[in-house]
N, C-alpha and C. Protein backbone atom coordinates (compact mmCIF):
# COMPACT_ATOMS: atom_id res chain seq x y z
N UNK A 1 0.74 -1.01 -0.19
CA UNK A 1 0.22 -0.29 -0.14
C UNK A 1 0.67 0.99 0.22
N UNK A 2 0.65 1.69 -0.83
CA UNK A 2 1.32 3.45 -0.96
C UNK A 2 1.07 3.95 0.56
N UNK A 3 2.32 4.75 0.79
CA UNK A 3 2.42 5.79 1.99
C UNK A 3 1.41 7.52 1.97
N UNK A 4 0.28 7.19 3.11
CA UNK A 4 -0.29 8.47 2.49
C UNK A 4 -0.11 9.27 3.75
N UNK A 5 -0.33 10.52 3.71
CA UNK A 5 0.15 11.32 4.77
C UNK A 5 -2.00 11.73 5.05
N UNK A 6 -2.37 10.95 6.50
CA UNK A 6 -3.55 10.94 6.49
C UNK A 6 -3.68 11.81 7.68
N UNK A 7 -4.62 12.93 7.45
CA UNK A 7 -5.16 14.00 8.69
C UNK A 7 -6.50 13.53 8.94
N UNK A 8 -6.64 14.28 10.19
CA UNK A 8 -8.25 14.09 10.73
C UNK A 8 -8.89 15.30 11.32
N UNK A 9 -9.80 15.43 11.37
CA UNK A 9 -10.56 17.17 12.00
C UNK A 9 -9.88 17.26 13.25
N UNK A 10 -10.02 18.37 13.72
CA UNK A 10 -9.46 18.92 14.59
C UNK A 10 -10.18 18.68 16.01
N UNK A 11 -11.32 18.75 15.74
CA UNK A 11 -12.40 18.42 16.72
C UNK A 11 -12.29 16.40 17.19
N UNK A 12 -11.74 16.06 16.20
CA UNK A 12 -11.69 14.57 16.58
C UNK A 12 -10.08 14.16 16.55
N UNK A 13 -9.12 15.01 17.23
CA UNK A 13 -7.54 14.92 17.53
C UNK A 13 -7.42 13.25 18.56
N UNK A 14 -8.45 13.41 19.09
CA UNK A 14 -7.87 12.35 20.42
C UNK A 14 -9.20 11.43 20.42
N UNK A 15 -9.64 11.73 19.82
CA UNK A 15 -10.69 10.38 19.43
C UNK A 15 -10.32 9.00 18.99
N UNK A 16 -11.23 8.04 19.02
CA UNK A 16 -10.71 6.45 18.66
C UNK A 16 -11.63 6.47 17.24
N UNK A 17 -12.58 7.19 16.45
CA UNK A 17 -13.46 7.09 15.32
C UNK A 17 -13.55 8.47 14.66
N UNK A 18 -12.57 8.44 13.86
CA UNK A 18 -12.94 9.66 13.44
C UNK A 18 -12.33 9.54 11.72
N UNK A 19 -13.05 10.36 11.10
CA UNK A 19 -12.95 10.25 9.55
C UNK A 19 -11.61 10.81 9.13
N UNK A 20 -11.38 9.97 8.52
CA UNK A 20 -9.26 10.56 7.87
C UNK A 20 -9.02 10.45 6.76
N UNK A 21 -8.46 11.55 6.02
CA UNK A 21 -8.57 12.05 4.42
C UNK A 21 -6.99 12.01 4.11
N UNK A 22 -6.54 11.44 2.92
CA UNK A 22 -5.16 11.69 2.59
C UNK A 22 -5.63 12.08 1.02
N UNK A 23 -4.94 13.74 0.89
CA UNK A 23 -5.16 14.10 -0.14
C UNK A 23 -4.10 14.17 -1.36
N UNK A 24 -4.40 13.62 -2.71
CA UNK A 24 -2.85 13.41 -3.40
C UNK A 24 -3.17 14.72 -4.76
N UNK A 25 -2.40 15.30 -6.01
CA UNK A 25 -2.86 15.40 -6.63
C UNK A 25 -4.00 15.10 -7.44
N UNK A 26 -4.39 13.22 -7.81
CA UNK A 26 -4.85 13.18 -8.16
C UNK A 26 -6.19 12.65 -7.78
N UNK A 27 -6.52 12.45 -6.34
CA UNK A 27 -7.64 11.69 -5.95
C UNK A 27 -7.27 12.56 -4.93
N UNK A 28 -8.87 11.82 -3.76
CA UNK A 28 -8.75 12.29 -2.32
C UNK A 28 -8.91 10.96 -1.81
N UNK A 29 -8.54 10.53 -0.54
CA UNK A 29 -8.80 9.15 0.12
C UNK A 29 -9.39 9.02 1.41
N UNK A 30 -10.22 8.46 1.63
CA UNK A 30 -11.26 8.41 2.74
C UNK A 30 -11.35 7.44 3.69
N UNK A 31 -10.82 7.39 4.70
CA UNK A 31 -11.46 6.09 5.72
C UNK A 31 -11.41 6.41 7.10
N UNK A 32 -12.13 5.30 7.99
CA UNK A 32 -12.11 6.08 8.97
C UNK A 32 -11.39 4.97 9.92
N UNK A 33 -11.00 6.00 11.25
CA UNK A 33 -10.10 5.53 12.05
C UNK A 33 -10.03 3.91 12.48
N UNK A 34 -11.67 3.59 12.39
CA UNK A 34 -11.76 2.29 12.99
C UNK A 34 -11.31 1.32 11.95
N UNK A 35 -11.42 1.69 10.69
CA UNK A 35 -11.40 0.14 9.45
C UNK A 35 -10.57 1.12 8.44
N UNK A 36 -8.94 1.09 9.30
CA UNK A 36 -7.90 1.86 8.27
C UNK A 36 -8.16 1.02 6.61
N UNK A 37 -8.11 -0.06 6.83
CA UNK A 37 -7.98 -0.85 5.49
C UNK A 37 -9.33 -0.11 4.19
N UNK A 38 -10.40 0.26 4.64
CA UNK A 38 -11.56 0.43 4.04
C UNK A 38 -11.35 1.97 3.77
N UNK A 39 -10.87 1.62 2.50
CA UNK A 39 -10.62 3.32 2.00
C UNK A 39 -11.12 3.72 0.68
N UNK A 40 -12.05 4.35 0.66
CA UNK A 40 -12.80 5.62 -0.60
C UNK A 40 -12.10 6.28 -1.25
N UNK A 41 -11.81 6.24 -2.55
CA UNK A 41 -11.44 7.03 -3.48
C UNK A 41 -11.94 7.92 -4.39
N UNK A 42 -11.73 9.03 -4.17
CA UNK A 42 -12.64 10.44 -4.57
C UNK A 42 -11.51 11.01 -5.76
N UNK A 43 -12.37 11.45 -6.63
CA UNK A 43 -11.77 12.17 -7.62
C UNK A 43 -11.44 13.69 -6.96
N UNK A 44 -11.23 14.63 -7.16
CA UNK A 44 -11.09 16.01 -6.87
C UNK A 44 -12.84 17.04 -6.76
N UNK A 45 -13.31 16.58 -7.75
CA UNK A 45 -14.44 16.99 -8.54
C UNK A 45 -15.20 16.17 -7.25
N UNK A 46 -15.20 15.16 -6.98
CA UNK A 46 -16.33 14.02 -6.06
C UNK A 46 -16.06 14.81 -4.65
N UNK A 47 -15.12 14.82 -4.04
CA UNK A 47 -14.80 15.76 -3.01
C UNK A 47 -15.31 16.41 -2.56
N UNK A 48 -14.80 17.77 -3.72
CA UNK A 48 -15.60 19.34 -3.28
C UNK A 48 -17.18 19.00 -3.49
N UNK A 49 -17.86 18.35 -4.61
CA UNK A 49 -19.32 17.91 -4.55
C UNK A 49 -19.61 17.18 -2.64
N UNK A 50 -18.60 16.35 -2.63
CA UNK A 50 -19.26 15.58 -0.90
C UNK A 50 -18.95 16.57 0.09
N UNK A 51 -17.85 17.58 0.15
CA UNK A 51 -17.49 18.66 1.13
C UNK A 51 -18.82 19.84 1.09
N UNK A 52 -18.94 20.53 -0.23
CA UNK A 52 -19.98 21.28 -0.24
C UNK A 52 -21.35 20.51 -0.19
N UNK A 53 -21.84 19.35 0.32
CA UNK A 53 -22.77 18.68 0.19
C UNK A 53 -22.88 18.87 1.84
N UNK A 54 -22.03 18.41 2.68
CA UNK A 54 -22.12 18.08 3.82
C UNK A 54 -22.17 19.52 4.31
N UNK A 55 -21.53 20.59 4.24
CA UNK A 55 -21.63 21.77 4.49
C UNK A 55 -23.30 22.59 4.35
N UNK A 56 -23.76 22.10 3.34
CA UNK A 56 -25.04 22.69 2.46
C UNK A 56 -26.26 21.79 3.56
N UNK A 57 -25.68 20.69 4.52
CA UNK A 57 -26.72 19.89 5.54
C UNK A 57 -27.43 19.16 5.17
N UNK A 58 -27.11 18.30 4.05
CA UNK A 58 -27.75 17.90 3.04
C UNK A 58 -27.82 16.06 3.49
N UNK A 59 -26.95 15.92 4.54
CA UNK A 59 -26.95 14.62 5.55
C UNK A 59 -27.78 14.94 6.41
N UNK A 60 -27.91 15.57 6.96
CA UNK A 60 -28.73 16.07 8.20
C UNK A 60 -29.84 14.75 8.53
N UNK A 61 -30.00 14.47 9.85
CA UNK A 61 -31.17 13.98 10.01
C UNK A 61 -32.39 14.58 10.10
């Protein structure tokens, strides 16, 4: 597996169940800290759309 620099939200820095993201020039990789082998790969456009939808509250219950 390729070495990636994973980051998590500041609010999650010391928690054990956090989303983690690794951004490269061609792709954005997303995983859960609980399941680090389960990695989703997104294009930069897909990542932008996902972040925009989250900020717009499209996934709120």
